[in-house]
Amino acid sequence: MIDIDSLDTRTLQKEAARVISTMEATSNNIYKFNKHGYNNSLNWYKAAIKWYVDRYGDLPSKAGPGKDITFIIEN
């Protein structure tokens, strides 16, 4: 099991960036995370990552289409 709560803020940001980079860019896709993280970016990141893990079985950097995302600047 993946303990998303143990990830530091920068890791959450990068994993969430992989999530939104791999999904269709629609208002509904983004809104489903807003319900969990309204006015709290950490909860938003966690909701996006949890959705991805449920779908692909692991963190975006390790499974599914997210693992193929390359950042221009890593940190």
PDB file of N, CA and C in Angstrom:
ATOM      1  N   MET A   1       0.838  -1.193   0.000  1.00  0.00           N
ATOM      2  CA  MET A   1       0.000   0.000   0.000  1.00  0.00           C
ATOM      3  C   MET A   1       0.876   1.247   0.000  1.00  0.00           C
ATOM      4  N   ILE A   2       0.439   2.238  -0.710  1.00  0.00           N
ATOM      5  CA  ILE A   2       1.198   3.481  -0.842  1.00  0.00           C
ATOM      6  C   ILE A   2       0.710   4.470   0.205  1.00  0.00           C
ATOM      7  N   ASP A   3       1.640   4.997   1.011  1.00  0.00           N
ATOM      8  CA  ASP A   3       1.302   5.971   2.045  1.00  0.00           C
ATOM      9  C   ASP A   3       1.528   7.371   1.486  1.00  0.00           C
ATOM     10  N   ILE A   4       0.506   7.898   0.856  1.00  0.00           N
ATOM     11  CA  ILE A   4       0.604   9.226   0.229  1.00  0.00           C
ATOM     12  C   ILE A   4       0.866  10.306   1.271  1.00  0.00           C
ATOM     13  N   ASP A   5       0.358  10.114   2.491  1.00  0.00           N
ATOM     14  CA  ASP A   5       0.543  11.110   3.541  1.00  0.00           C
ATOM     15  C   ASP A   5       1.994  11.251   3.976  1.00  0.00           C
ATOM     16  N   SER A   6       2.838  10.281   3.654  1.00  0.00           N
ATOM     17  CA  SER A   6       4.244  10.363   4.048  1.00  0.00           C
ATOM     18  C   SER A   6       5.103  11.098   3.014  1.00  0.00           C
ATOM     19  N   LEU A   7       4.532  11.419   1.859  1.00  0.00           N
ATOM     20  CA  LEU A   7       5.298  12.113   0.812  1.00  0.00           C
ATOM     21  C   LEU A   7       5.471  13.586   1.167  1.00  0.00           C
ATOM     22  N   ASP A   8       6.651  14.127   0.888  1.00  0.00           N
ATOM     23  CA  ASP A   8       6.871  15.549   1.152  1.00  0.00           C
ATOM     24  C   ASP A   8       6.154  16.392   0.100  1.00  0.00           C
ATOM     25  N   THR A   9       6.063  17.680   0.364  1.00  0.00           N
ATOM     26  CA  THR A   9       5.287  18.589  -0.493  1.00  0.00           C
ATOM     27  C   THR A   9       5.785  18.576  -1.934  1.00  0.00           C
ATOM     28  N   ARG A  10       7.083  18.629  -2.151  1.00  0.00           N
ATOM     29  CA  ARG A  10       7.613  18.678  -3.517  1.00  0.00           C
ATOM     30  C   ARG A  10       7.301  17.390  -4.276  1.00  0.00           C
ATOM     31  N   THR A  11       7.373  16.266  -3.604  1.00  0.00           N
ATOM     32  CA  THR A  11       7.037  14.999  -4.248  1.00  0.00           C
ATOM     33  C   THR A  11       5.557  14.963  -4.603  1.00  0.00           C
ATOM     34  N   LEU A  12       4.701  15.429  -3.697  1.00  0.00           N
ATOM     35  CA  LEU A  12       3.267  15.508  -3.997  1.00  0.00           C
ATOM     36  C   LEU A  12       3.021  16.376  -5.229  1.00  0.00           C
ATOM     37  N   GLN A  13       3.695  17.519  -5.301  1.00  0.00           N
ATOM     38  CA  GLN A  13       3.529  18.419  -6.444  1.00  0.00           C
ATOM     39  C   GLN A  13       3.936  17.739  -7.747  1.00  0.00           C
ATOM     40  N   LYS A  14       5.064  17.071  -7.735  1.00  0.00           N
ATOM     41  CA  LYS A  14       5.554  16.420  -8.954  1.00  0.00           C
ATOM     42  C   LYS A  14       4.677  15.251  -9.366  1.00  0.00           C
ATOM     43  N   GLU A  15       4.231  14.461  -8.406  1.00  0.00           N
ATOM     44  CA  GLU A  15       3.357  13.332  -8.732  1.00  0.00           C
ATOM     45  C   GLU A  15       2.020  13.839  -9.272  1.00  0.00           C
ATOM     46  N   ALA A  16       1.462  14.890  -8.658  1.00  0.00           N
ATOM     47  CA  ALA A  16       0.198  15.461  -9.139  1.00  0.00           C
ATOM     48  C   ALA A  16       0.368  16.065 -10.536  1.00  0.00           C
ATOM     49  N   ALA A  17       1.528  16.651 -10.796  1.00  0.00           N
ATOM     50  CA  ALA A  17       1.794  17.196 -12.133  1.00  0.00           C
ATOM     51  C   ALA A  17       1.793  16.088 -13.178  1.00  0.00           C
ATOM     52  N   ARG A  18       2.315  14.938 -12.817  1.00  0.00           N
ATOM     53  CA  ARG A  18       2.290  13.789 -13.727  1.00  0.00           C
ATOM     54  C   ARG A  18       0.853  13.341 -13.982  1.00  0.00           C
ATOM     55  N   VAL A  19       0.027  13.379 -12.926  1.00  0.00           N
ATOM     56  CA  VAL A  19      -1.380  12.988 -13.067  1.00  0.00           C
ATOM     57  C   VAL A  19      -2.074  13.880 -14.084  1.00  0.00           C
ATOM     58  N   ILE A  20      -2.000  15.186 -13.876  1.00  0.00           N
ATOM     59  CA  ILE A  20      -2.756  16.084 -14.769  1.00  0.00           C
ATOM     60  C   ILE A  20      -2.150  16.152 -16.163  1.00  0.00           C
ATOM     61  N   SER A  21      -0.883  15.789 -16.291  1.00  0.00           N
ATOM     62  CA  SER A  21      -0.262  15.749 -17.617  1.00  0.00           C
ATOM     63  C   SER A  21      -0.733  14.559 -18.437  1.00  0.00           C
ATOM     64  N   THR A  22      -1.268  13.555 -17.773  1.00  0.00           N
ATOM     65  CA  THR A  22      -1.665  12.344 -18.482  1.00  0.00           C
ATOM     66  C   THR A  22      -3.166  12.221 -18.698  1.00  0.00           C
ATOM     67  N   MET A  23      -3.937  13.138 -18.158  1.00  0.00           N
ATOM     68  CA  MET A  23      -5.389  13.025 -18.294  1.00  0.00           C
ATOM     69  C   MET A  23      -5.934  14.063 -19.267  1.00  0.00           C
ATOM     70  N   GLU A  24      -7.117  13.808 -19.763  1.00  0.00           N
ATOM     71  CA  GLU A  24      -7.769  14.750 -20.661  1.00  0.00           C
ATOM     72  C   GLU A  24      -8.049  16.053 -19.915  1.00  0.00           C
ATOM     73  N   ALA A  25      -7.715  17.162 -20.518  1.00  0.00           N
ATOM     74  CA  ALA A  25      -7.866  18.469 -19.881  1.00  0.00           C
ATOM     75  C   ALA A  25      -9.308  18.968 -20.014  1.00  0.00           C
ATOM     76  N   THR A  26     -10.118  18.606 -19.035  1.00  0.00           N
ATOM     77  CA  THR A  26     -11.496  19.084 -19.001  1.00  0.00           C
ATOM     78  C   THR A  26     -11.796  19.642 -17.615  1.00  0.00           C
ATOM     79  N   SER A  27     -12.786  20.487 -17.537  1.00  0.00           N
ATOM     80  CA  SER A  27     -13.200  21.059 -16.253  1.00  0.00           C
ATOM     81  C   SER A  27     -13.629  19.965 -15.283  1.00  0.00           C
ATOM     82  N   ASN A  28     -14.355  18.978 -15.772  1.00  0.00           N
ATOM     83  CA  ASN A  28     -14.834  17.907 -14.904  1.00  0.00           C
ATOM     84  C   ASN A  28     -13.692  17.095 -14.311  1.00  0.00           C
ATOM     85  N   ASN A  29     -12.647  16.869 -15.098  1.00  0.00           N
ATOM     86  CA  ASN A  29     -11.513  16.109 -14.572  1.00  0.00           C
ATOM     87  C   ASN A  29     -10.822  16.854 -13.436  1.00  0.00           C
ATOM     88  N   ILE A  30     -10.645  18.134 -13.587  1.00  0.00           N
ATOM     89  CA  ILE A  30     -10.001  18.930 -12.545  1.00  0.00           C
ATOM     90  C   ILE A  30     -10.940  19.105 -11.349  1.00  0.00           C
ATOM     91  N   TYR A  31     -12.220  19.292 -11.611  1.00  0.00           N
ATOM     92  CA  TYR A  31     -13.186  19.539 -10.547  1.00  0.00           C
ATOM     93  C   TYR A  31     -13.283  18.374  -9.565  1.00  0.00           C
ATOM     94  N   LYS A  32     -13.140  17.165 -10.043  1.00  0.00           N
ATOM     95  CA  LYS A  32     -13.273  16.016  -9.138  1.00  0.00           C
ATOM     96  C   LYS A  32     -12.230  16.056  -8.028  1.00  0.00           C
ATOM     97  N   PHE A  33     -11.102  16.702  -8.255  1.00  0.00           N
ATOM     98  CA  PHE A  33     -10.090  16.854  -7.207  1.00  0.00           C
ATOM     99  C   PHE A  33     -10.391  18.068  -6.328  1.00  0.00           C
ATOM    100  N   ASN A  34     -11.055  19.074  -6.894  1.00  0.00           N
ATOM    101  CA  ASN A  34     -11.411  20.261  -6.114  1.00  0.00           C
ATOM    102  C   ASN A  34     -12.341  19.910  -4.957  1.00  0.00           C
ATOM    103  N   LYS A  35     -13.185  18.913  -5.142  1.00  0.00           N
ATOM    104  CA  LYS A  35     -14.107  18.511  -4.082  1.00  0.00           C
ATOM    105  C   LYS A  35     -13.348  18.055  -2.835  1.00  0.00           C
ATOM    106  N   HIS A  36     -12.154  17.507  -3.021  1.00  0.00           N
ATOM    107  CA  HIS A  36     -11.367  17.004  -1.895  1.00  0.00           C
ATOM    108  C   HIS A  36     -10.342  18.010  -1.398  1.00  0.00           C
ATOM    109  N   GLY A  37      -9.954  18.924  -2.259  1.00  0.00           N
ATOM    110  CA  GLY A  37      -8.874  19.828  -1.894  1.00  0.00           C
ATOM    111  C   GLY A  37      -9.201  21.294  -2.047  1.00  0.00           C
ATOM    112  N   TYR A  38     -10.456  21.656  -1.883  1.00  0.00           N
ATOM    113  CA  TYR A  38     -10.851  23.057  -2.050  1.00  0.00           C
ATOM    114  C   TYR A  38     -10.092  23.920  -1.042  1.00  0.00           C
ATOM    115  N   ASN A  39      -9.377  24.906  -1.522  1.00  0.00           N
ATOM    116  CA  ASN A  39      -8.573  25.824  -0.707  1.00  0.00           C
ATOM    117  C   ASN A  39      -7.460  25.132   0.076  1.00  0.00           C
ATOM    118  N   ASN A  40      -7.060  23.954  -0.338  1.00  0.00           N
ATOM    119  CA  ASN A  40      -5.954  23.263   0.315  1.00  0.00           C
ATOM    120  C   ASN A  40      -5.204  22.466  -0.748  1.00  0.00           C
ATOM    121  N   SER A  41      -4.101  23.014  -1.205  1.00  0.00           N
ATOM    122  CA  SER A  41      -3.389  22.395  -2.320  1.00  0.00           C
ATOM    123  C   SER A  41      -2.851  21.004  -1.980  1.00  0.00           C
ATOM    124  N   LEU A  42      -2.421  20.782  -0.754  1.00  0.00           N
ATOM    125  CA  LEU A  42      -1.912  19.460  -0.402  1.00  0.00           C
ATOM    126  C   LEU A  42      -2.996  18.400  -0.535  1.00  0.00           C
ATOM    127  N   ASN A  43      -4.203  18.710  -0.102  1.00  0.00           N
ATOM    128  CA  ASN A  43      -5.311  17.760  -0.249  1.00  0.00           C
ATOM    129  C   ASN A  43      -5.661  17.551  -1.718  1.00  0.00           C
ATOM    130  N   TRP A  44      -5.533  18.592  -2.521  1.00  0.00           N
ATOM    131  CA  TRP A  44      -5.793  18.479  -3.962  1.00  0.00           C
ATOM    132  C   TRP A  44      -4.786  17.525  -4.597  1.00  0.00           C
ATOM    133  N   TYR A  45      -3.501  17.725  -4.277  1.00  0.00           N
ATOM    134  CA  TYR A  45      -2.464  16.840  -4.812  1.00  0.00           C
ATOM    135  C   TYR A  45      -2.750  15.395  -4.419  1.00  0.00           C
ATOM    136  N   LYS A  46      -3.072  15.183  -3.144  1.00  0.00           N
ATOM    137  CA  LYS A  46      -3.325  13.831  -2.646  1.00  0.00           C
ATOM    138  C   LYS A  46      -4.530  13.199  -3.334  1.00  0.00           C
ATOM    139  N   ALA A  47      -5.589  13.977  -3.558  1.00  0.00           N
ATOM    140  CA  ALA A  47      -6.783  13.451  -4.237  1.00  0.00           C
ATOM    141  C   ALA A  47      -6.441  13.025  -5.662  1.00  0.00           C
ATOM    142  N   ALA A  48      -5.657  13.835  -6.355  1.00  0.00           N
ATOM    143  CA  ALA A  48      -5.263  13.499  -7.724  1.00  0.00           C
ATOM    144  C   ALA A  48      -4.412  12.228  -7.744  1.00  0.00           C
ATOM    145  N   ILE A  49      -3.476  12.140  -6.826  1.00  0.00           N
ATOM    146  CA  ILE A  49      -2.596  10.965  -6.781  1.00  0.00           C
ATOM    147  C   ILE A  49      -3.389   9.720  -6.404  1.00  0.00           C
ATOM    148  N   LYS A  50      -4.283   9.822  -5.444  1.00  0.00           N
ATOM    149  CA  LYS A  50      -5.105   8.673  -5.048  1.00  0.00           C
ATOM    150  C   LYS A  50      -5.938   8.174  -6.226  1.00  0.00           C
ATOM    151  N   TRP A  51      -6.517   9.102  -6.986  1.00  0.00           N
ATOM    152  CA  TRP A  51      -7.290   8.722  -8.174  1.00  0.00           C
ATOM    153  C   TRP A  51      -6.405   7.932  -9.141  1.00  0.00           C
ATOM    154  N   TYR A  52      -5.200   8.433  -9.355  1.00  0.00           N
ATOM    155  CA  TYR A  52      -4.269   7.784 -10.280  1.00  0.00           C
ATOM    156  C   TYR A  52      -3.876   6.396  -9.783  1.00  0.00           C
ATOM    157  N   VAL A  53      -3.541   6.292  -8.507  1.00  0.00           N
ATOM    158  CA  VAL A  53      -3.150   5.003  -7.932  1.00  0.00           C
ATOM    159  C   VAL A  53      -4.290   3.999  -8.051  1.00  0.00           C
ATOM    160  N   ASP A  54      -5.517   4.448  -7.816  1.00  0.00           N
ATOM    161  CA  ASP A  54      -6.668   3.555  -7.973  1.00  0.00           C
ATOM    162  C   ASP A  54      -6.783   3.048  -9.411  1.00  0.00           C
ATOM    163  N   ARG A  55      -6.426   3.894 -10.337  1.00  0.00           N
ATOM    164  CA  ARG A  55      -6.558   3.546 -11.755  1.00  0.00           C
ATOM    165  C   ARG A  55      -5.391   2.709 -12.279  1.00  0.00           C
ATOM    166  N   TYR A  56      -4.164   3.061 -11.867  1.00  0.00           N
ATOM    167  CA  TYR A  56      -2.971   2.423 -12.441  1.00  0.00           C
ATOM    168  C   TYR A  56      -2.176   1.557 -11.461  1.00  0.00           C
ATOM    169  N   GLY A  57      -2.512   1.598 -10.186  1.00  0.00           N
ATOM    170  CA  GLY A  57      -1.894   0.690  -9.226  1.00  0.00           C
ATOM    171  C   GLY A  57      -0.649   1.166  -8.509  1.00  0.00           C
ATOM    172  N   ASP A  58      -0.121   2.325  -8.888  1.00  0.00           N
ATOM    173  CA  ASP A  58       1.079   2.832  -8.212  1.00  0.00           C
ATOM    174  C   ASP A  58       1.183   4.332  -8.478  1.00  0.00           C
ATOM    175  N   LEU A  59       2.208   4.935  -7.912  1.00  0.00           N
ATOM    176  CA  LEU A  59       2.438   6.368  -8.107  1.00  0.00           C
ATOM    177  C   LEU A  59       2.647   6.674  -9.591  1.00  0.00           C
ATOM    178  N   PRO A  60       2.306   7.877 -10.009  1.00  0.00           N
ATOM    179  CA  PRO A  60       2.480   8.242 -11.420  1.00  0.00           C
ATOM    180  C   PRO A  60       3.920   8.111 -11.922  1.00  0.00           C
ATOM    181  N   SER A  61       4.885   8.292 -11.053  1.00  0.00           N
ATOM    182  CA  SER A  61       6.284   8.166 -11.475  1.00  0.00           C
ATOM    183  C   SER A  61       6.708   6.711 -11.668  1.00  0.00           C
ATOM    184  N   LYS A  62       5.849   5.764 -11.245  1.00  0.00           N
ATOM    185  CA  LYS A  62       6.227   4.354 -11.299  1.00  0.00           C
ATOM    186  C   LYS A  62       5.345   3.487 -12.194  1.00  0.00           C
ATOM    187  N   ALA A  63       4.148   3.946 -12.533  1.00  0.00           N
ATOM    188  CA  ALA A  63       3.225   3.104 -13.304  1.00  0.00           C
ATOM    189  C   ALA A  63       2.374   3.947 -14.250  1.00  0.00           C
ATOM    190  N   GLY A  64       1.830   3.286 -15.242  1.00  0.00           N
ATOM    191  CA  GLY A  64       0.924   3.952 -16.178  1.00  0.00           C
ATOM    192  C   GLY A  64       1.622   5.014 -17.011  1.00  0.00           C
ATOM    193  N   PRO A  65       0.845   5.871 -17.640  1.00  0.00           N
ATOM    194  CA  PRO A  65       1.428   6.877 -18.527  1.00  0.00           C
ATOM    195  C   PRO A  65       2.252   7.933 -17.804  1.00  0.00           C
ATOM    196  N   GLY A  66       2.053   8.110 -16.512  1.00  0.00           N
ATOM    197  CA  GLY A  66       2.807   9.112 -15.752  1.00  0.00           C
ATOM    198  C   GLY A  66       4.290   8.835 -15.685  1.00  0.00           C
ATOM    199  N   LYS A  67       4.661   7.569 -15.745  1.00  0.00           N
ATOM    200  CA  LYS A  67       6.089   7.218 -15.647  1.00  0.00           C
ATOM    201  C   LYS A  67       6.874   7.704 -16.864  1.00  0.00           C
ATOM    202  N   ASP A  68       6.185   8.016 -17.947  1.00  0.00           N
ATOM    203  CA  ASP A  68       6.850   8.474 -19.160  1.00  0.00           C
ATOM    204  C   ASP A  68       6.972   9.995 -19.247  1.00  0.00           C
ATOM    205  N   ILE A  69       6.447  10.701 -18.261  1.00  0.00           N
ATOM    206  CA  ILE A  69       6.534  12.166 -18.249  1.00  0.00           C
ATOM    207  C   ILE A  69       7.931  12.590 -17.816  1.00  0.00           C
ATOM    208  N   THR A  70       8.514  13.514 -18.565  1.00  0.00           N
ATOM    209  CA  THR A  70       9.809  14.063 -18.229  1.00  0.00           C
ATOM    210  C   THR A  70       9.648  15.545 -17.934  1.00  0.00           C
ATOM    211  N   PHE A  71      10.193  15.979 -16.796  1.00  0.00           N
ATOM    212  CA  PHE A  71      10.138  17.386 -16.431  1.00  0.00           C
ATOM    213  C   PHE A  71      11.327  18.129 -17.023  1.00  0.00           C
ATOM    214  N   ILE A  72      11.110  19.361 -17.397  1.00  0.00           N
ATOM    215  CA  ILE A  72      12.226  20.186 -17.908  1.00  0.00           C
ATOM    216  C   ILE A  72      13.206  20.457 -16.780  1.00  0.00           C
ATOM    217  N   ILE A  73      12.662  20.837 -15.623  1.00  0.00           N
ATOM    218  CA  ILE A  73      13.469  21.050 -14.426  1.00  0.00           C
ATOM    219  C   ILE A  73      12.976  20.059 -13.382  1.00  0.00           C
ATOM    220  N   GLU A  74      13.857  19.230 -12.878  1.00  0.00           N
ATOM    221  CA  GLU A  74      13.447  18.160 -11.982  1.00  0.00           C
ATOM    222  C   GLU A  74      13.093  18.655 -10.584  1.00  0.00           C
ATOM    223  N   ASN A  75      13.733  19.669 -10.086  1.00  0.00           N
ATOM    224  CA  ASN A  75      13.461  20.177  -8.726  1.00  0.00           C
ATOM    225  C   ASN A  75      13.025  21.618  -8.722  1.00  0.00           C
TER     226      ASN A  75
END
